[in-house]
């Protein structure tokens, strides 16, 4: 959903840079054709942690926040701790933060 929204915004703001960050590049092998085509519209796809084990979600979150000027999160009432870590870390890094709360 995010890729589709951002692709639409790129028509008006072509400078938007969008990169997919995967914990491991082997995840690409499990994607269906539609998702692979969507990845083709991005500026890049990066496999971050080929040897990651337990902490890879936090490593991915840290990387994405550090590389971004604006962080947009979507939270549900029962969201996982990684989303809340992203919100906290974005604040610590002084990033522009937009949080969309779902109920």
C-alpha atoms as a PDB file:
ATOM      1  CA  UNK A   1       0.000   0.000   0.000  1.00  0.00           C
ATOM      2  CA  UNK A   2       2.804   2.422   0.871  1.00  0.00           C
ATOM      3  CA  UNK A   3       4.610   1.792  -2.417  1.00  0.00           C
ATOM      4  CA  UNK A   4       1.452   2.520  -4.402  1.00  0.00           C
ATOM      5  CA  UNK A   5       0.800   5.758  -2.489  1.00  0.00           C
ATOM      6  CA  UNK A   6       4.369   6.957  -2.846  1.00  0.00           C
ATOM      7  CA  UNK A   7       4.480   6.046  -6.533  1.00  0.00           C
ATOM      8  CA  UNK A   8       1.473   8.301  -7.026  1.00  0.00           C
ATOM      9  CA  UNK A   9       3.138  11.136  -5.079  1.00  0.00           C
ATOM     10  CA  UNK A  10       6.271  10.835  -7.224  1.00  0.00           C
ATOM     11  CA  UNK A  11       4.325  12.242 -10.164  1.00  0.00           C
ATOM     12  CA  UNK A  12       4.155  15.558  -8.324  1.00  0.00           C
ATOM     13  CA  UNK A  13       7.377  15.189  -6.295  1.00  0.00           C
ATOM     14  CA  UNK A  14       9.885  13.295  -8.462  1.00  0.00           C
ATOM     15  CA  UNK A  15      12.701  13.798  -5.920  1.00  0.00           C
ATOM     16  CA  UNK A  16      11.105  11.304  -3.490  1.00  0.00           C
ATOM     17  CA  UNK A  17      13.509   8.420  -2.914  1.00  0.00           C
ATOM     18  CA  UNK A  18      11.993   5.096  -1.936  1.00  0.00           C
ATOM     19  CA  UNK A  19      14.026   2.070  -0.940  1.00  0.00           C
ATOM     20  CA  UNK A  20      12.774  -1.286   0.307  1.00  0.00           C
ATOM     21  CA  UNK A  21      14.793  -2.686   3.173  1.00  0.00           C
ATOM     22  CA  UNK A  22      14.644  -6.430   3.632  1.00  0.00           C
ATOM     23  CA  UNK A  23      16.212  -8.253   6.506  1.00  0.00           C
ATOM     24  CA  UNK A  24      17.635 -10.751   4.016  1.00  0.00           C
ATOM     25  CA  UNK A  25      17.706 -10.698   0.216  1.00  0.00           C
ATOM     26  CA  UNK A  26      16.464 -14.303   0.209  1.00  0.00           C
ATOM     27  CA  UNK A  27      13.038 -12.840   1.019  1.00  0.00           C
ATOM     28  CA  UNK A  28      12.793 -11.831  -2.641  1.00  0.00           C
ATOM     29  CA  UNK A  29      12.512 -15.490  -3.638  1.00  0.00           C
ATOM     30  CA  UNK A  30       9.249 -15.801  -1.687  1.00  0.00           C
ATOM     31  CA  UNK A  31       7.474 -12.800  -3.222  1.00  0.00           C
ATOM     32  CA  UNK A  32       4.715 -13.202  -5.797  1.00  0.00           C
ATOM     33  CA  UNK A  33       5.004 -11.582  -9.225  1.00  0.00           C
ATOM     34  CA  UNK A  34       2.916  -8.493  -8.342  1.00  0.00           C
ATOM     35  CA  UNK A  35       5.135  -7.642  -5.393  1.00  0.00           C
ATOM     36  CA  UNK A  36       8.282  -8.145  -7.452  1.00  0.00           C
ATOM     37  CA  UNK A  37       6.891  -5.737 -10.060  1.00  0.00           C
ATOM     38  CA  UNK A  38       6.185  -3.171  -7.327  1.00  0.00           C
ATOM     39  CA  UNK A  39       9.766  -3.481  -6.105  1.00  0.00           C
ATOM     40  CA  UNK A  40      10.849  -2.640  -9.637  1.00  0.00           C
ATOM     41  CA  UNK A  41       9.321   0.827  -9.240  1.00  0.00           C
ATOM     42  CA  UNK A  42      11.559   1.655  -6.264  1.00  0.00           C
ATOM     43  CA  UNK A  43      14.884   3.457  -6.284  1.00  0.00           C
ATOM     44  CA  UNK A  44      16.497   0.468  -4.622  1.00  0.00           C
ATOM     45  CA  UNK A  45      16.125  -2.745  -2.676  1.00  0.00           C
ATOM     46  CA  UNK A  46      18.599  -3.484   0.079  1.00  0.00           C
ATOM     47  CA  UNK A  47      19.248  -6.656   2.034  1.00  0.00           C
ATOM     48  CA  UNK A  48      20.442  -5.319   5.356  1.00  0.00           C
ATOM     49  CA  UNK A  49      21.431  -8.246   7.524  1.00  0.00           C
ATOM     50  CA  UNK A  50      22.525 -11.436   5.810  1.00  0.00           C
ATOM     51  CA  UNK A  51      23.614 -12.873   9.152  1.00  0.00           C
ATOM     52  CA  UNK A  52      20.970 -11.269  11.377  1.00  0.00           C
ATOM     53  CA  UNK A  53      19.236 -13.392  13.907  1.00  0.00           C
ATOM     54  CA  UNK A  54      17.049 -12.082  16.718  1.00  0.00           C
ATOM     55  CA  UNK A  55      17.623  -8.329  16.411  1.00  0.00           C
ATOM     56  CA  UNK A  56      17.031  -7.913  12.686  1.00  0.00           C
ATOM     57  CA  UNK A  57      13.694  -6.044  13.039  1.00  0.00           C
ATOM     58  CA  UNK A  58      15.402  -3.383  15.146  1.00  0.00           C
ATOM     59  CA  UNK A  59      18.357  -3.229  12.745  1.00  0.00           C
ATOM     60  CA  UNK A  60      15.995  -2.624   9.832  1.00  0.00           C
ATOM     61  CA  UNK A  61      14.053  -0.011  11.815  1.00  0.00           C
ATOM     62  CA  UNK A  62      17.230   1.821  12.840  1.00  0.00           C
ATOM     63  CA  UNK A  63      18.495   1.861   9.250  1.00  0.00           C
ATOM     64  CA  UNK A  64      15.206   3.163   7.861  1.00  0.00           C
ATOM     65  CA  UNK A  65      14.943   5.956  10.447  1.00  0.00           C
ATOM     66  CA  UNK A  66      18.587   6.967   9.978  1.00  0.00           C
ATOM     67  CA  UNK A  67      18.173   7.165   6.188  1.00  0.00           C
ATOM     68  CA  UNK A  68      14.889   9.084   6.241  1.00  0.00           C
ATOM     69  CA  UNK A  69      14.082  12.756   6.592  1.00  0.00           C
ATOM     70  CA  UNK A  70      10.443  11.923   7.411  1.00  0.00           C
ATOM     71  CA  UNK A  71       9.169   8.808   9.168  1.00  0.00           C
ATOM     72  CA  UNK A  72       5.563   7.760   8.681  1.00  0.00           C
ATOM     73  CA  UNK A  73       4.196   5.036  10.930  1.00  0.00           C
ATOM     74  CA  UNK A  74       0.827   3.339  10.921  1.00  0.00           C
ATOM     75  CA  UNK A  75      -0.214   1.946  14.297  1.00  0.00           C
ATOM     76  CA  UNK A  76      -3.093  -0.189  15.412  1.00  0.00           C
ATOM     77  CA  UNK A  77      -4.073  -0.575  19.033  1.00  0.00           C
ATOM     78  CA  UNK A  78      -2.345  -3.968  19.174  1.00  0.00           C
ATOM     79  CA  UNK A  79       0.733  -3.073  17.131  1.00  0.00           C
ATOM     80  CA  UNK A  80       4.074  -4.707  17.786  1.00  0.00           C
ATOM     81  CA  UNK A  81       6.861  -3.065  19.779  1.00  0.00           C
ATOM     82  CA  UNK A  82       8.953  -2.445  16.636  1.00  0.00           C
ATOM     83  CA  UNK A  83       6.543   0.276  15.499  1.00  0.00           C
ATOM     84  CA  UNK A  84       6.756   2.019  18.849  1.00  0.00           C
ATOM     85  CA  UNK A  85      10.539   1.703  18.754  1.00  0.00           C
ATOM     86  CA  UNK A  86      10.514   3.414  15.333  1.00  0.00           C
ATOM     87  CA  UNK A  87       8.436   6.284  16.739  1.00  0.00           C
ATOM     88  CA  UNK A  88      10.758   6.707  19.710  1.00  0.00           C
ATOM     89  CA  UNK A  89      13.928   6.421  17.639  1.00  0.00           C
ATOM     90  CA  UNK A  90      12.649   8.902  15.041  1.00  0.00           C
ATOM     91  CA  UNK A  91      12.033  11.395  17.847  1.00  0.00           C
ATOM     92  CA  UNK A  92      15.503  10.795  19.254  1.00  0.00           C
ATOM     93  CA  UNK A  93      17.037  11.350  15.796  1.00  0.00           C
ATOM     94  CA  UNK A  94      15.020  14.550  15.297  1.00  0.00           C
ATOM     95  CA  UNK A  95      13.175  13.216  12.260  1.00  0.00           C
ATOM     96  CA  UNK A  96       9.911  14.666  11.018  1.00  0.00           C
ATOM     97  CA  UNK A  97       7.392  12.124  12.301  1.00  0.00           C
ATOM     98  CA  UNK A  98       3.878  11.436  11.080  1.00  0.00           C
ATOM     99  CA  UNK A  99       1.945   8.798  12.987  1.00  0.00           C
ATOM    100  CA  UNK A 100      -1.313   7.415  11.627  1.00  0.00           C
ATOM    101  CA  UNK A 101      -3.325   5.778  14.397  1.00  0.00           C
ATOM    102  CA  UNK A 102      -5.810   3.082  13.376  1.00  0.00           C
ATOM    103  CA  UNK A 103      -8.595   2.025  15.692  1.00  0.00           C
END
